[in-house]
Amino acid sequence: MQERHQNKEQYFAEQGATTEKYVIPYLSGLLEITPQTEVLEIGCAEAGNLMPFLNKGCKCTGIDISCGRIELAKEYYNAHPNRQNLELICEDIYKIDLKGKRFDLIIMRDVIEHIPNQERFMHYVQKFLKPEGKFFLAFPPWQNPFGGHQQICQNKLLSKLPWLHLLPAGMYRFILNRIEKNPRRTEALMEIKETGISIDRFERILKKEKYTVDKRTLFFINPNYQTKFGIKPREQSKLVAAIPGLRNFFTTAAYYVISKKP
């Protein structure tokens, strides 16, 4: 387990840094970010991704099911000069009542892979998007070397074993129970095994729910790795990116901007 997995302030800062340096520029030409832009982050945790938008004067809303993380977010933003433009809500996305409010931009970074029944979610979330709105998603494909998030393991060996999460469920659970010896973390990792999503399945969902893919980039080296490790991002090769199935094993991050078909 790395320090950032326990240091919430560091994680908060890293989220904001990656969004400012990579996510906002990625939206260039698709959506102009102005003080009038209304932004919703789903699964916001401490809402670090919203910092660059709030700095620009955007009207921001963050939703997360963890009340503890929302309370931390409120602490981090307490003294922000644009605090009045930020609403932080602890609630299940399926139970939230925003009174019909819709947004110019919805963002989700490293969240969709934690959500059960992504088909249901991608259908449901359309209600929060304005007709001309954009939806940015970034996620690690399930089959990539650390798509199971095993880097959160306390055991140093397990935290560094690529593709460990692709073992059969029973064998994976047995190894976690015998070596990690943390029932809560084992259950969290097994849940990720159940909800992990591939590029191919994600794109089938988009097609079924009639989303338009405005932009897609597959990364061999995740942009977030520059913030975390000082490693420069690198896009996936065109050859690997074109091969369904195979690309999931060697893509550490998939970036999408999508919108609803008229």
C-alpha atoms as a PDB file:
ATOM      1  CA  MET A   1       0.000   0.000   0.000  1.00  0.00           C
ATOM      2  CA  GLN A   2       1.353   3.402  -0.992  1.00  0.00           C
ATOM      3  CA  GLU A   3       1.219   6.459   1.256  1.00  0.00           C
ATOM      4  CA  ARG A   4      -1.387   8.147  -0.977  1.00  0.00           C
ATOM      5  CA  HIS A   5      -3.880   5.409  -0.150  1.00  0.00           C
ATOM      6  CA  GLN A   6      -3.840   6.531   3.470  1.00  0.00           C
ATOM      7  CA  ASN A   7      -3.006  10.233   3.098  1.00  0.00           C
ATOM      8  CA  LYS A   8      -6.296  11.802   1.997  1.00  0.00           C
ATOM      9  CA  GLU A   9      -4.822  15.291   1.607  1.00  0.00           C
ATOM     10  CA  GLN A  10      -2.180  13.980  -0.785  1.00  0.00           C
ATOM     11  CA  TYR A  11      -4.807  12.067  -2.753  1.00  0.00           C
ATOM     12  CA  PHE A  12      -6.991  15.195  -2.873  1.00  0.00           C
ATOM     13  CA  ALA A  13      -4.093  17.264  -4.244  1.00  0.00           C
ATOM     14  CA  GLU A  14      -3.174  14.609  -6.824  1.00  0.00           C
ATOM     15  CA  GLN A  15      -6.732  14.449  -8.125  1.00  0.00           C
ATOM     16  CA  GLY A  16      -6.858  18.192  -8.666  1.00  0.00           C
ATOM     17  CA  ALA A  17      -3.420  18.268 -10.304  1.00  0.00           C
ATOM     18  CA  THR A  18      -4.302  15.575 -12.858  1.00  0.00           C
ATOM     19  CA  THR A  19      -7.655  17.163 -13.680  1.00  0.00           C
ATOM     20  CA  GLU A  20      -6.092  20.574 -14.205  1.00  0.00           C
ATOM     21  CA  LYS A  21      -3.213  19.309 -16.316  1.00  0.00           C
ATOM     22  CA  TYR A  22      -4.972  16.638 -18.375  1.00  0.00           C
ATOM     23  CA  VAL A  23      -8.765  16.500 -18.009  1.00  0.00           C
ATOM     24  CA  ILE A  24      -9.624  20.148 -18.641  1.00  0.00           C
ATOM     25  CA  PRO A  25      -7.282  20.375 -21.665  1.00  0.00           C
ATOM     26  CA  TYR A  26      -8.791  17.095 -22.924  1.00  0.00           C
ATOM     27  CA  LEU A  27     -12.184  18.829 -23.076  1.00  0.00           C
ATOM     28  CA  SER A  28     -10.793  21.635 -25.227  1.00  0.00           C
ATOM     29  CA  GLY A  29     -12.754  22.063 -28.446  1.00  0.00           C
ATOM     30  CA  LEU A  30     -15.682  20.083 -27.069  1.00  0.00           C
ATOM     31  CA  LEU A  31     -16.779  22.251 -24.154  1.00  0.00           C
ATOM     32  CA  GLU A  32     -15.745  25.745 -23.134  1.00  0.00           C
ATOM     33  CA  ILE A  33     -15.150  25.977 -19.391  1.00  0.00           C
ATOM     34  CA  THR A  34     -16.465  29.312 -18.064  1.00  0.00           C
ATOM     35  CA  PRO A  35     -17.872  30.607 -14.753  1.00  0.00           C
ATOM     36  CA  GLN A  36     -21.311  29.709 -16.148  1.00  0.00           C
ATOM     37  CA  THR A  37     -20.384  26.037 -16.608  1.00  0.00           C
ATOM     38  CA  GLU A  38     -22.274  23.716 -14.272  1.00  0.00           C
ATOM     39  CA  VAL A  39     -20.241  20.652 -13.322  1.00  0.00           C
ATOM     40  CA  LEU A  40     -21.356  17.457 -11.570  1.00  0.00           C
ATOM     41  CA  GLU A  41     -18.881  14.918 -10.230  1.00  0.00           C
ATOM     42  CA  ILE A  42     -20.342  11.517  -9.370  1.00  0.00           C
ATOM     43  CA  GLY A  43     -18.337   9.481  -6.875  1.00  0.00           C
ATOM     44  CA  CYS A  44     -16.394  12.591  -5.930  1.00  0.00           C
ATOM     45  CA  ALA A  45     -14.820  11.280  -2.679  1.00  0.00           C
ATOM     46  CA  GLU A  46     -12.949  14.341  -1.298  1.00  0.00           C
ATOM     47  CA  ALA A  47     -13.790  16.200  -4.541  1.00  0.00           C
ATOM     48  CA  GLY A  48     -10.220  16.964  -5.562  1.00  0.00           C
ATOM     49  CA  ASN A  49     -11.228  16.750  -9.229  1.00  0.00           C
ATOM     50  CA  LEU A  50     -13.563  19.717  -8.752  1.00  0.00           C
ATOM     51  CA  MET A  51     -10.838  22.074  -7.513  1.00  0.00           C
ATOM     52  CA  PRO A  52      -9.653  23.256 -10.971  1.00  0.00           C
ATOM     53  CA  PHE A  53     -13.257  23.884 -12.042  1.00  0.00           C
ATOM     54  CA  LEU A  54     -14.055  25.777  -8.853  1.00  0.00           C
ATOM     55  CA  ASN A  55     -10.885  27.830  -9.321  1.00  0.00           C
ATOM     56  CA  LYS A  56     -12.323  28.917 -12.682  1.00  0.00           C
ATOM     57  CA  GLY A  57     -15.550  30.010 -11.006  1.00  0.00           C
ATOM     58  CA  CYS A  58     -17.677  27.094 -12.253  1.00  0.00           C
ATOM     59  CA  LYS A  59     -20.773  26.025 -10.355  1.00  0.00           C
ATOM     60  CA  CYS A  60     -19.838  22.603  -8.984  1.00  0.00           C
ATOM     61  CA  THR A  61     -21.749  19.750  -7.377  1.00  0.00           C
ATOM     62  CA  GLY A  62     -20.082  16.683  -5.888  1.00  0.00           C
ATOM     63  CA  ILE A  63     -21.960  13.536  -4.883  1.00  0.00           C
ATOM     64  CA  ASP A  64     -20.579  10.545  -3.007  1.00  0.00           C
ATOM     65  CA  ILE A  65     -22.152   7.740  -1.013  1.00  0.00           C
ATOM     66  CA  SER A  66     -19.459   8.014   1.686  1.00  0.00           C
ATOM     67  CA  CYS A  67     -20.451  10.688   4.201  1.00  0.00           C
ATOM     68  CA  GLY A  68     -17.001  10.580   5.796  1.00  0.00           C
ATOM     69  CA  ARG A  69     -15.338  11.565   2.532  1.00  0.00           C
ATOM     70  CA  ILE A  70     -17.886  14.300   1.893  1.00  0.00           C
ATOM     71  CA  GLU A  71     -17.172  15.750   5.344  1.00  0.00           C
ATOM     72  CA  LEU A  72     -13.445  15.763   4.534  1.00  0.00           C
ATOM     73  CA  ALA A  73     -14.204  17.539   1.261  1.00  0.00           C
ATOM     74  CA  LYS A  74     -16.126  20.224   3.131  1.00  0.00           C
ATOM     75  CA  GLU A  75     -13.110  20.757   5.373  1.00  0.00           C
ATOM     76  CA  TYR A  76     -10.727  21.046   2.425  1.00  0.00           C
ATOM     77  CA  TYR A  77     -12.952  23.605   0.686  1.00  0.00           C
ATOM     78  CA  ASN A  78     -14.009  25.528   3.753  1.00  0.00           C
ATOM     79  CA  ALA A  79     -11.779  28.534   3.005  1.00  0.00           C
ATOM     80  CA  HIS A  80     -11.966  28.456  -0.806  1.00  0.00           C
ATOM     81  CA  PRO A  81     -12.882  31.906  -2.207  1.00  0.00           C
ATOM     82  CA  ASN A  82     -15.523  30.327  -4.492  1.00  0.00           C
ATOM     83  CA  ARG A  83     -16.963  28.058  -1.805  1.00  0.00           C
ATOM     84  CA  GLN A  84     -20.441  29.448  -2.462  1.00  0.00           C
ATOM     85  CA  ASN A  85     -20.317  27.808  -5.916  1.00  0.00           C
ATOM     86  CA  LEU A  86     -19.777  24.334  -4.479  1.00  0.00           C
ATOM     87  CA  GLU A  87     -22.421  21.891  -3.242  1.00  0.00           C
ATOM     88  CA  LEU A  88     -21.274  18.628  -1.666  1.00  0.00           C
ATOM     89  CA  ILE A  89     -23.860  15.912  -1.112  1.00  0.00           C
ATOM     90  CA  CYS A  90     -23.672  12.540   0.635  1.00  0.00           C
ATOM     91  CA  GLU A  91     -26.241  10.314  -1.052  1.00  0.00           C
ATOM     92  CA  ASP A  92     -26.762   7.263  -3.216  1.00  0.00           C
ATOM     93  CA  ILE A  93     -26.880   8.501  -6.822  1.00  0.00           C
ATOM     94  CA  TYR A  94     -30.092   6.524  -7.370  1.00  0.00           C
ATOM     95  CA  LYS A  95     -31.788   8.294  -4.462  1.00  0.00           C
ATOM     96  CA  ILE A  96     -30.572  11.835  -5.015  1.00  0.00           C
ATOM     97  CA  ASP A  97     -33.169  14.527  -5.737  1.00  0.00           C
ATOM     98  CA  LEU A  98     -31.646  17.438  -7.643  1.00  0.00           C
ATOM     99  CA  LYS A  99     -35.100  18.790  -8.519  1.00  0.00           C
ATOM    100  CA  GLY A 100     -34.623  18.330 -12.232  1.00  0.00           C
ATOM    101  CA  LYS A 101     -31.288  20.146 -12.387  1.00  0.00           C
ATOM    102  CA  ARG A 102     -29.054  19.256 -15.331  1.00  0.00           C
ATOM    103  CA  PHE A 103     -25.374  19.898 -15.969  1.00  0.00           C
ATOM    104  CA  ASP A 104     -23.100  21.060 -18.780  1.00  0.00           C
ATOM    105  CA  LEU A 105     -20.461  18.558 -17.713  1.00  0.00           C
ATOM    106  CA  ILE A 106     -20.498  15.340 -15.714  1.00  0.00           C
ATOM    107  CA  ILE A 107     -17.142  13.888 -14.688  1.00  0.00           C
ATOM    108  CA  MET A 108     -16.192  10.487 -13.322  1.00  0.00           C
ATOM    109  CA  ARG A 109     -12.547   9.537 -12.842  1.00  0.00           C
ATOM    110  CA  ASP A 110     -11.756   6.013 -11.662  1.00  0.00           C
ATOM    111  CA  VAL A 111     -15.325   5.467 -10.488  1.00  0.00           C
ATOM    112  CA  ILE A 112     -17.319   3.545 -13.117  1.00  0.00           C
ATOM    113  CA  GLU A 113     -15.290   0.390 -12.416  1.00  0.00           C
ATOM    114  CA  HIS A 114     -16.645   0.396  -8.847  1.00  0.00           C
ATOM    115  CA  ILE A 115     -20.322   0.676  -9.781  1.00  0.00           C
ATOM    116  CA  PRO A 116     -22.461  -2.486  -9.942  1.00  0.00           C
ATOM    117  CA  ASN A 117     -24.645  -2.879 -13.033  1.00  0.00           C
ATOM    118  CA  GLN A 118     -23.001  -0.233 -15.207  1.00  0.00           C
ATOM    119  CA  GLU A 119     -25.726  -0.740 -17.832  1.00  0.00           C
ATOM    120  CA  ARG A 120     -28.369   0.514 -15.417  1.00  0.00           C
ATOM    121  CA  PHE A 121     -26.155   3.368 -14.274  1.00  0.00           C
ATOM    122  CA  MET A 122     -25.323   4.673 -17.764  1.00  0.00           C
ATOM    123  CA  HIS A 123     -29.028   4.700 -18.611  1.00  0.00           C
ATOM    124  CA  TYR A 124     -30.012   6.416 -15.364  1.00  0.00           C
ATOM    125  CA  VAL A 125     -27.334   9.134 -15.366  1.00  0.00           C
ATOM    126  CA  GLN A 126     -28.622  10.637 -18.620  1.00  0.00           C
ATOM    127  CA  LYS A 127     -31.230  12.518 -16.603  1.00  0.00           C
ATOM    128  CA  PHE A 128     -28.496  14.780 -15.179  1.00  0.00           C
ATOM    129  CA  LEU A 129     -27.017  15.807 -18.542  1.00  0.00           C
ATOM    130  CA  LYS A 130     -28.140  18.879 -20.485  1.00  0.00           C
ATOM    131  CA  PRO A 131     -29.057  18.231 -24.145  1.00  0.00           C
ATOM    132  CA  GLU A 132     -25.729  19.701 -25.309  1.00  0.00           C
ATOM    133  CA  GLY A 133     -23.830  18.508 -22.234  1.00  0.00           C
ATOM    134  CA  LYS A 134     -20.671  16.393 -22.144  1.00  0.00           C
ATOM    135  CA  PHE A 135     -19.837  13.410 -19.969  1.00  0.00           C
ATOM    136  CA  PHE A 136     -16.153  12.756 -19.208  1.00  0.00           C
ATOM    137  CA  LEU A 137     -15.182   9.315 -17.927  1.00  0.00           C
ATOM    138  CA  ALA A 138     -11.765   7.834 -17.192  1.00  0.00           C
ATOM    139  CA  PHE A 139     -11.231   4.308 -15.930  1.00  0.00           C
ATOM    140  CA  PRO A 140      -8.639   1.520 -15.839  1.00  0.00           C
ATOM    141  CA  PRO A 141      -9.770  -1.423 -17.982  1.00  0.00           C
ATOM    142  CA  TRP A 142     -10.283  -4.464 -15.773  1.00  0.00           C
ATOM    143  CA  GLN A 143      -7.674  -6.682 -17.403  1.00  0.00           C
ATOM    144  CA  ASN A 144      -4.784  -4.207 -17.158  1.00  0.00           C
ATOM    145  CA  PRO A 145      -1.891  -5.181 -14.827  1.00  0.00           C
ATOM    146  CA  PHE A 146      -3.389  -3.444 -11.786  1.00  0.00           C
ATOM    147  CA  GLY A 147      -7.016  -3.258 -12.849  1.00  0.00           C
ATOM    148  CA  GLY A 148      -8.019  -5.041  -9.655  1.00  0.00           C
ATOM    149  CA  HIS A 149      -6.585  -2.222  -7.503  1.00  0.00           C
ATOM    150  CA  GLN A 150      -4.381  -4.750  -5.712  1.00  0.00           C
ATOM    151  CA  GLN A 151      -1.904  -1.915  -5.132  1.00  0.00           C
ATOM    152  CA  ILE A 152      -3.977  -1.039  -2.055  1.00  0.00           C
ATOM    153  CA  CYS A 153      -2.867  -4.285  -0.378  1.00  0.00           C
ATOM    154  CA  GLN A 154      -0.783  -3.894   2.769  1.00  0.00           C
ATOM    155  CA  ASN A 155       1.313  -6.896   1.786  1.00  0.00           C
ATOM    156  CA  LYS A 156       4.158  -5.605  -0.406  1.00  0.00           C
ATOM    157  CA  LEU A 157       4.269  -8.714  -2.592  1.00  0.00           C
ATOM    158  CA  LEU A 158       0.546  -8.676  -3.391  1.00  0.00           C
ATOM    159  CA  SER A 159       0.555  -4.930  -3.998  1.00  0.00           C
ATOM    160  CA  LYS A 160       3.167  -5.339  -6.742  1.00  0.00           C
ATOM    161  CA  LEU A 161       1.884  -8.462  -8.518  1.00  0.00           C
ATOM    162  CA  PRO A 162       0.461  -7.568 -11.952  1.00  0.00           C
ATOM    163  CA  TRP A 163      -2.651  -9.381 -13.178  1.00  0.00           C
ATOM    164  CA  LEU A 164      -3.132 -11.040  -9.761  1.00  0.00           C
ATOM    165  CA  HIS A 165      -6.816 -10.090  -9.863  1.00  0.00           C
ATOM    166  CA  LEU A 166      -7.414 -12.197 -12.991  1.00  0.00           C
ATOM    167  CA  LEU A 167      -7.102 -15.427 -11.023  1.00  0.00           C
ATOM    168  CA  PRO A 168     -10.360 -17.381 -10.541  1.00  0.00           C
ATOM    169  CA  ALA A 169     -12.451 -15.795  -7.784  1.00  0.00           C
ATOM    170  CA  GLY A 170     -12.027 -18.663  -5.321  1.00  0.00           C
ATOM    171  CA  MET A 171      -8.258 -18.760  -5.729  1.00  0.00           C
ATOM    172  CA  TYR A 172      -8.008 -14.963  -5.536  1.00  0.00           C
ATOM    173  CA  ARG A 173     -10.014 -14.860  -2.312  1.00  0.00           C
ATOM    174  CA  PHE A 174      -7.920 -17.681  -0.826  1.00  0.00           C
ATOM    175  CA  ILE A 175      -4.654 -15.812  -1.521  1.00  0.00           C
ATOM    176  CA  LEU A 176      -6.018 -12.558  -0.092  1.00  0.00           C
ATOM    177  CA  ASN A 177      -7.279 -14.310   3.031  1.00  0.00           C
ATOM    178  CA  ARG A 178      -4.029 -16.191   3.620  1.00  0.00           C
ATOM    179  CA  ILE A 179      -1.557 -13.403   2.828  1.00  0.00           C
ATOM    180  CA  GLU A 180      -3.315 -10.045   3.154  1.00  0.00           C
ATOM    181  CA  LYS A 181      -5.308 -11.184   6.203  1.00  0.00           C
ATOM    182  CA  ASN A 182      -7.618  -8.172   6.155  1.00  0.00           C
ATOM    183  CA  PRO A 183     -11.265  -9.256   5.694  1.00  0.00           C
ATOM    184  CA  ARG A 184     -12.485  -5.732   4.936  1.00  0.00           C
ATOM    185  CA  ARG A 185      -9.856  -5.173   2.231  1.00  0.00           C
ATOM    186  CA  THR A 186     -10.469  -8.643   0.809  1.00  0.00           C
ATOM    187  CA  GLU A 187     -14.165  -7.880   0.398  1.00  0.00           C
ATOM    188  CA  ALA A 188     -13.376  -4.532  -1.228  1.00  0.00           C
ATOM    189  CA  LEU A 189     -11.059  -6.212  -3.739  1.00  0.00           C
ATOM    190  CA  MET A 190     -13.574  -8.973  -4.441  1.00  0.00           C
ATOM    191  CA  GLU A 191     -16.239  -6.319  -5.105  1.00  0.00           C
ATOM    192  CA  ILE A 192     -13.917  -4.684  -7.639  1.00  0.00           C
ATOM    193  CA  LYS A 193     -13.474  -8.091  -9.281  1.00  0.00           C
ATOM    194  CA  GLU A 194     -17.248  -8.231  -9.703  1.00  0.00           C
ATOM    195  CA  THR A 195     -17.664  -4.689 -11.054  1.00  0.00           C
ATOM    196  CA  GLY A 196     -14.484  -4.268 -13.155  1.00  0.00           C
ATOM    197  CA  ILE A 197     -15.222  -3.142 -16.699  1.00  0.00           C
ATOM    198  CA  SER A 198     -13.396  -3.593 -20.003  1.00  0.00           C
ATOM    199  CA  ILE A 199     -13.115  -1.164 -22.903  1.00  0.00           C
ATOM    200  CA  ASP A 200     -15.150  -3.502 -25.061  1.00  0.00           C
ATOM    201  CA  ARG A 201     -18.051  -3.890 -22.632  1.00  0.00           C
ATOM    202  CA  PHE A 202     -18.081  -0.172 -21.894  1.00  0.00           C
ATOM    203  CA  GLU A 203     -18.411   0.608 -25.587  1.00  0.00           C
ATOM    204  CA  ARG A 204     -21.225  -1.927 -25.966  1.00  0.00           C
ATOM    205  CA  ILE A 205     -23.059  -0.125 -23.172  1.00  0.00           C
ATOM    206  CA  LEU A 206     -22.547   3.234 -24.880  1.00  0.00           C
ATOM    207  CA  LYS A 207     -23.951   1.864 -28.118  1.00  0.00           C
ATOM    208  CA  LYS A 208     -26.954   0.318 -26.385  1.00  0.00           C
ATOM    209  CA  GLU A 209     -27.752   3.540 -24.499  1.00  0.00           C
ATOM    210  CA  LYS A 210     -27.280   5.624 -27.677  1.00  0.00           C
ATOM    211  CA  TYR A 211     -24.349   7.726 -26.520  1.00  0.00           C
ATOM    212  CA  THR A 212     -22.082   9.419 -29.040  1.00  0.00           C
ATOM    213  CA  VAL A 213     -18.343   9.063 -28.452  1.00  0.00           C
ATOM    214  CA  ASP A 214     -16.958  12.558 -29.066  1.00  0.00           C
ATOM    215  CA  LYS A 215     -13.415  11.648 -28.099  1.00  0.00           C
ATOM    216  CA  ARG A 216     -11.542   8.559 -26.943  1.00  0.00           C
ATOM    217  CA  THR A 217      -7.923   8.037 -25.946  1.00  0.00           C
ATOM    218  CA  LEU A 218      -6.397   4.848 -24.614  1.00  0.00           C
ATOM    219  CA  PHE A 219      -3.236   5.294 -22.569  1.00  0.00           C
ATOM    220  CA  PHE A 220      -0.404   2.839 -22.199  1.00  0.00           C
ATOM    221  CA  ILE A 221       0.815   5.047 -19.337  1.00  0.00           C
ATOM    222  CA  ASN A 222      -1.969   6.678 -17.326  1.00  0.00           C
ATOM    223  CA  PRO A 223      -1.808  10.514 -17.158  1.00  0.00           C
ATOM    224  CA  ASN A 224      -2.280  10.178 -13.424  1.00  0.00           C
ATOM    225  CA  TYR A 225       1.082   8.402 -13.195  1.00  0.00           C
ATOM    226  CA  GLN A 226       2.868  11.678 -13.840  1.00  0.00           C
ATOM    227  CA  THR A 227       1.267  13.179 -10.745  1.00  0.00           C
ATOM    228  CA  LYS A 228       1.888  10.031  -8.705  1.00  0.00           C
ATOM    229  CA  PHE A 229       5.240   8.804  -9.954  1.00  0.00           C
ATOM    230  CA  GLY A 230       6.676  11.458 -12.270  1.00  0.00           C
ATOM    231  CA  ILE A 231       6.204   9.179 -15.331  1.00  0.00           C
ATOM    232  CA  LYS A 232       5.196  10.966 -18.515  1.00  0.00           C
ATOM    233  CA  PRO A 233       1.860   9.784 -20.023  1.00  0.00           C
ATOM    234  CA  ARG A 234       1.972   7.796 -23.209  1.00  0.00           C
ATOM    235  CA  GLU A 235      -0.878   6.905 -25.515  1.00  0.00           C
ATOM    236  CA  GLN A 236      -1.486   3.300 -26.460  1.00  0.00           C
ATOM    237  CA  SER A 237      -0.053   2.223 -29.824  1.00  0.00           C
ATOM    238  CA  LYS A 238      -2.546   2.350 -32.672  1.00  0.00           C
ATOM    239  CA  LEU A 239      -1.999  -1.343 -33.385  1.00  0.00           C
ATOM    240  CA  VAL A 240      -2.800  -2.506 -29.830  1.00  0.00           C
ATOM    241  CA  ALA A 241      -5.646   0.018 -29.463  1.00  0.00           C
ATOM    242  CA  ALA A 242      -7.298  -1.473 -32.548  1.00  0.00           C
ATOM    243  CA  ILE A 243      -7.391  -5.040 -31.205  1.00  0.00           C
ATOM    244  CA  PRO A 244     -10.449  -5.725 -29.006  1.00  0.00           C
ATOM    245  CA  GLY A 245      -9.649  -7.831 -25.972  1.00  0.00           C
ATOM    246  CA  LEU A 246      -5.887  -7.475 -26.201  1.00  0.00           C
ATOM    247  CA  ARG A 247      -5.939  -3.710 -25.621  1.00  0.00           C
ATOM    248  CA  ASN A 248      -7.525  -4.201 -22.206  1.00  0.00           C
ATOM    249  CA  PHE A 249      -4.408  -5.961 -20.911  1.00  0.00           C
ATOM    250  CA  PHE A 250      -2.010  -3.154 -21.777  1.00  0.00           C
ATOM    251  CA  THR A 251      -4.118  -0.006 -21.349  1.00  0.00           C
ATOM    252  CA  THR A 252      -3.801   1.598 -17.932  1.00  0.00           C
ATOM    253  CA  ALA A 253      -6.402   4.322 -18.533  1.00  0.00           C
ATOM    254  CA  ALA A 254      -9.225   4.929 -20.982  1.00  0.00           C
ATOM    255  CA  TYR A 255     -10.415   8.523 -21.458  1.00  0.00           C
ATOM    256  CA  TYR A 256     -13.820   9.213 -22.999  1.00  0.00           C
ATOM    257  CA  VAL A 257     -15.939  12.260 -23.695  1.00  0.00           C
ATOM    258  CA  ILE A 258     -19.451  11.239 -24.614  1.00  0.00           C
ATOM    259  CA  SER A 259     -22.788  12.937 -25.245  1.00  0.00           C
ATOM    260  CA  LYS A 260     -26.360  11.930 -25.924  1.00  0.00           C
ATOM    261  CA  LYS A 261     -27.544  11.409 -29.464  1.00  0.00           C
ATOM    262  CA  PRO A 262     -30.395  13.796 -30.387  1.00  0.00           C
END
